[in-house]
Amino acid sequence: MAFWAYILRCADGRYYTGHTDALDRRIAEHQTGGFCLFTSQRLPVELVWAQGFPTRIEALEAERRIKPWSRAKKDALIRQDWTALKFFSRPPGERSTLPSLPPCPSTSLGTNGEGDGPRGDSDRPSPNPSRSAGGE
């Protein structure tokens, strides 16, 4: 059985991070509404990143690791831009200039658009909805 960490982009531009053991079913639940207050109030949602994991604990750990990331860092993960991800992993005062990055709305922790939801059902992050399996 596979487990997934995922990121959804909500209609208002905010991100929702979660994990599940049935990605297609869970995305359908988010789209239907009623299963998660955060996404139910921000429909429609779009899967923008997912990554498979062999165990639920690994998927949960990925969700917990990604959830507090800044929007800029999540954007880099979604784009699979490993240079930008590394850049935004450093504290702002320790970052050198990275000229090729697109403009980002926020690099503050805990800000994902207007703010991150109270909780998410997510597994480990993966940059595309292509549902790449395994971690790095």
C-alpha atoms as a PDB file:
ATOM      1  CA  MET A   1       0.000   0.000   0.000  1.00  0.00           C
ATOM      2  CA  ALA A   2       1.276   3.461  -0.879  1.00  0.00           C
ATOM      3  CA  PHE A   3       0.977   6.547   1.255  1.00  0.00           C
ATOM      4  CA  TRP A   4       1.079  10.084  -0.046  1.00  0.00           C
ATOM      5  CA  ALA A   5       2.024  13.568   1.053  1.00  0.00           C
ATOM      6  CA  TYR A   6       0.392  16.266  -1.062  1.00  0.00           C
ATOM      7  CA  ILE A   7      -0.164  19.987  -1.535  1.00  0.00           C
ATOM      8  CA  LEU A   8      -3.388  21.493  -2.866  1.00  0.00           C
ATOM      9  CA  ARG A   9      -3.768  25.017  -4.218  1.00  0.00           C
ATOM     10  CA  CYS A  10      -7.123  26.419  -3.134  1.00  0.00           C
ATOM     11  CA  ALA A  11      -9.275  28.864  -5.117  1.00  0.00           C
ATOM     12  CA  ASP A  12      -8.004  31.763  -2.976  1.00  0.00           C
ATOM     13  CA  GLY A  13      -4.371  30.817  -3.707  1.00  0.00           C
ATOM     14  CA  ARG A  14      -3.607  29.350  -0.288  1.00  0.00           C
ATOM     15  CA  TYR A  15      -1.929  25.976   0.059  1.00  0.00           C
ATOM     16  CA  TYR A  16      -3.209  22.979   1.983  1.00  0.00           C
ATOM     17  CA  THR A  17      -0.724  20.254   2.909  1.00  0.00           C
ATOM     18  CA  GLY A  18      -1.833  16.783   3.918  1.00  0.00           C
ATOM     19  CA  HIS A  19      -1.200  13.043   3.742  1.00  0.00           C
ATOM     20  CA  THR A  20      -3.331  10.037   2.864  1.00  0.00           C
ATOM     21  CA  ASP A  21      -3.317   6.374   1.893  1.00  0.00           C
ATOM     22  CA  ALA A  22      -5.715   6.930  -1.040  1.00  0.00           C
ATOM     23  CA  LEU A  23      -4.732  10.015  -3.019  1.00  0.00           C
ATOM     24  CA  ASP A  24      -7.501   9.956  -5.649  1.00  0.00           C
ATOM     25  CA  ARG A  25     -10.197   9.419  -3.025  1.00  0.00           C
ATOM     26  CA  ARG A  26      -8.809  12.131  -0.755  1.00  0.00           C
ATOM     27  CA  ILE A  27      -8.590  14.692  -3.557  1.00  0.00           C
ATOM     28  CA  ALA A  28     -12.203  13.855  -4.514  1.00  0.00           C
ATOM     29  CA  GLU A  29     -13.233  14.403  -0.880  1.00  0.00           C
ATOM     30  CA  HIS A  30     -11.532  17.802  -0.886  1.00  0.00           C
ATOM     31  CA  GLN A  31     -13.275  18.709  -4.170  1.00  0.00           C
ATOM     32  CA  THR A  32     -16.667  17.623  -2.839  1.00  0.00           C
ATOM     33  CA  GLY A  33     -16.308  19.574   0.390  1.00  0.00           C
ATOM     34  CA  GLY A  34     -17.496  18.596   3.839  1.00  0.00           C
ATOM     35  CA  PHE A  35     -14.424  16.530   4.718  1.00  0.00           C
ATOM     36  CA  CYS A  36     -12.124  19.406   5.586  1.00  0.00           C
ATOM     37  CA  LEU A  37     -13.311  22.826   6.714  1.00  0.00           C
ATOM     38  CA  PHE A  38     -10.251  24.653   5.358  1.00  0.00           C
ATOM     39  CA  THR A  39     -10.578  23.384   1.779  1.00  0.00           C
ATOM     40  CA  SER A  40     -14.400  23.297   1.852  1.00  0.00           C
ATOM     41  CA  GLN A  41     -14.359  27.085   2.235  1.00  0.00           C
ATOM     42  CA  ARG A  42     -11.858  27.525  -0.630  1.00  0.00           C
ATOM     43  CA  LEU A  43     -13.191  25.403  -3.497  1.00  0.00           C
ATOM     44  CA  PRO A  44     -12.183  24.415  -6.035  1.00  0.00           C
ATOM     45  CA  VAL A  45      -8.822  22.936  -5.095  1.00  0.00           C
ATOM     46  CA  GLU A  46      -6.078  21.703  -7.402  1.00  0.00           C
ATOM     47  CA  LEU A  47      -3.440  19.068  -6.685  1.00  0.00           C
ATOM     48  CA  VAL A  48      -0.096  20.754  -7.335  1.00  0.00           C
ATOM     49  CA  TRP A  49       2.330  18.340  -5.697  1.00  0.00           C
ATOM     50  CA  ALA A  50       2.307  14.762  -4.409  1.00  0.00           C
ATOM     51  CA  GLN A  51       4.930  12.236  -3.430  1.00  0.00           C
ATOM     52  CA  GLY A  52       4.530   8.592  -2.535  1.00  0.00           C
ATOM     53  CA  PHE A  53       6.012   6.943   0.565  1.00  0.00           C
ATOM     54  CA  PRO A  54       6.245   3.322   1.669  1.00  0.00           C
ATOM     55  CA  THR A  55       4.827   3.958   5.156  1.00  0.00           C
ATOM     56  CA  ARG A  56       2.230   6.229   6.718  1.00  0.00           C
ATOM     57  CA  ILE A  57       4.735   7.582   9.244  1.00  0.00           C
ATOM     58  CA  GLU A  58       7.045   8.750   6.431  1.00  0.00           C
ATOM     59  CA  ALA A  59       4.135  10.482   4.686  1.00  0.00           C
ATOM     60  CA  LEU A  60       3.056  12.127   7.954  1.00  0.00           C
ATOM     61  CA  GLU A  61       6.623  13.234   8.667  1.00  0.00           C
ATOM     62  CA  ALA A  62       6.820  14.802   5.195  1.00  0.00           C
ATOM     63  CA  GLU A  63       3.524  16.633   5.799  1.00  0.00           C
ATOM     64  CA  ARG A  64       4.723  17.944   9.153  1.00  0.00           C
ATOM     65  CA  ARG A  65       8.042  19.014   7.660  1.00  0.00           C
ATOM     66  CA  ILE A  66       6.461  20.871   4.703  1.00  0.00           C
ATOM     67  CA  LYS A  67       3.437  22.420   6.397  1.00  0.00           C
ATOM     68  CA  PRO A  68       5.313  25.263   8.171  1.00  0.00           C
ATOM     69  CA  TRP A  69       7.377  26.161   5.084  1.00  0.00           C
ATOM     70  CA  SER A  70       7.086  29.612   3.567  1.00  0.00           C
ATOM     71  CA  ARG A  71       5.042  30.042   0.425  1.00  0.00           C
ATOM     72  CA  ALA A  72       8.242  30.705  -1.541  1.00  0.00           C
ATOM     73  CA  LYS A  73       9.743  27.416  -0.381  1.00  0.00           C
ATOM     74  CA  LYS A  74       6.543  25.479  -1.216  1.00  0.00           C
ATOM     75  CA  ASP A  75       6.447  27.159  -4.629  1.00  0.00           C
ATOM     76  CA  ALA A  76      10.029  25.986  -5.238  1.00  0.00           C
ATOM     77  CA  LEU A  77       9.073  22.422  -4.254  1.00  0.00           C
ATOM     78  CA  ILE A  78       6.054  22.482  -6.576  1.00  0.00           C
ATOM     79  CA  ARG A  79       8.254  23.750  -9.448  1.00  0.00           C
ATOM     80  CA  GLN A  80      10.934  21.174  -8.560  1.00  0.00           C
ATOM     81  CA  ASP A  81      13.385  24.059  -8.382  1.00  0.00           C
ATOM     82  CA  TRP A  82      15.980  22.540  -6.065  1.00  0.00           C
ATOM     83  CA  THR A  83      18.234  25.618  -6.193  1.00  0.00           C
ATOM     84  CA  ALA A  84      15.395  27.865  -5.004  1.00  0.00           C
ATOM     85  CA  LEU A  85      14.324  25.293  -2.395  1.00  0.00           C
ATOM     86  CA  LYS A  86      17.835  25.283  -0.953  1.00  0.00           C
ATOM     87  CA  PHE A  87      17.923  29.098  -1.099  1.00  0.00           C
ATOM     88  CA  PHE A  88      14.633  29.494   0.806  1.00  0.00           C
ATOM     89  CA  SER A  89      15.722  26.878   3.348  1.00  0.00           C
ATOM     90  CA  ARG A  90      18.259  29.355   4.715  1.00  0.00           C
ATOM     91  CA  PRO A  91      17.271  32.129   7.134  1.00  0.00           C
ATOM     92  CA  PRO A  92      16.642  35.416   5.252  1.00  0.00           C
ATOM     93  CA  GLY A  93      19.771  37.036   6.692  1.00  0.00           C
ATOM     94  CA  GLU A  94      21.963  34.214   5.401  1.00  0.00           C
ATOM     95  CA  ARG A  95      20.680  34.186   1.805  1.00  0.00           C
ATOM     96  CA  SER A  96      22.849  35.382  -1.026  1.00  0.00           C
ATOM     97  CA  THR A  97      21.253  36.881  -4.095  1.00  0.00           C
ATOM     98  CA  LEU A  98      19.657  34.359  -6.400  1.00  0.00           C
ATOM     99  CA  PRO A  99      19.046  36.314  -9.622  1.00  0.00           C
ATOM    100  CA  SER A 100      17.016  33.757 -11.570  1.00  0.00           C
ATOM    101  CA  LEU A 101      14.149  33.376  -9.085  1.00  0.00           C
ATOM    102  CA  PRO A 102      10.655  34.558  -9.999  1.00  0.00           C
ATOM    103  CA  PRO A 103       9.113  37.132  -7.636  1.00  0.00           C
ATOM    104  CA  CYS A 104       7.574  35.547  -4.559  1.00  0.00           C
ATOM    105  CA  PRO A 105       4.803  37.031  -2.423  1.00  0.00           C
ATOM    106  CA  SER A 106       6.206  35.855   0.895  1.00  0.00           C
ATOM    107  CA  THR A 107       9.199  34.142   2.405  1.00  0.00           C
ATOM    108  CA  SER A 108       7.983  34.275   6.000  1.00  0.00           C
ATOM    109  CA  LEU A 109       7.369  31.027   7.822  1.00  0.00           C
ATOM    110  CA  GLY A 110       3.733  30.103   8.138  1.00  0.00           C
ATOM    111  CA  THR A 111       2.546  32.338   5.325  1.00  0.00           C
ATOM    112  CA  ASN A 112       1.008  30.601   2.363  1.00  0.00           C
ATOM    113  CA  GLY A 113      -0.882  33.278   0.576  1.00  0.00           C
ATOM    114  CA  GLU A 114      -3.134  34.722   3.244  1.00  0.00           C
ATOM    115  CA  GLY A 115      -2.068  32.061   5.745  1.00  0.00           C
ATOM    116  CA  ASP A 116      -1.998  28.320   6.123  1.00  0.00           C
ATOM    117  CA  GLY A 117      -4.924  26.315   7.358  1.00  0.00           C
ATOM    118  CA  PRO A 118      -5.206  24.958  10.866  1.00  0.00           C
ATOM    119  CA  ARG A 119      -4.393  21.442   9.746  1.00  0.00           C
ATOM    120  CA  GLY A 120      -3.814  19.400   6.662  1.00  0.00           C
ATOM    121  CA  ASP A 121      -3.946  15.773   5.637  1.00  0.00           C
ATOM    122  CA  SER A 122      -0.737  15.473   3.773  1.00  0.00           C
ATOM    123  CA  ASP A 123       2.049  13.145   3.003  1.00  0.00           C
ATOM    124  CA  ARG A 124       5.515  13.957   1.914  1.00  0.00           C
ATOM    125  CA  PRO A 125       5.751  16.750  -0.623  1.00  0.00           C
ATOM    126  CA  SER A 126       6.309  16.071  -4.261  1.00  0.00           C
ATOM    127  CA  PRO A 127       6.735  18.771  -6.859  1.00  0.00           C
ATOM    128  CA  ASN A 128       4.104  17.708  -9.352  1.00  0.00           C
ATOM    129  CA  PRO A 129       0.722  16.091  -9.365  1.00  0.00           C
ATOM    130  CA  SER A 130       2.383  13.340 -11.351  1.00  0.00           C
ATOM    131  CA  ARG A 131       2.557  11.483  -8.053  1.00  0.00           C
ATOM    132  CA  SER A 132       6.206  10.588  -8.124  1.00  0.00           C
ATOM    133  CA  ALA A 133       6.931   7.665  -5.873  1.00  0.00           C
ATOM    134  CA  GLY A 134       9.698   7.471  -3.340  1.00  0.00           C
ATOM    135  CA  GLY A 135      11.669  10.093  -1.514  1.00  0.00           C
ATOM    136  CA  GLU A 136      15.025  11.664  -2.007  1.00  0.00           C
END
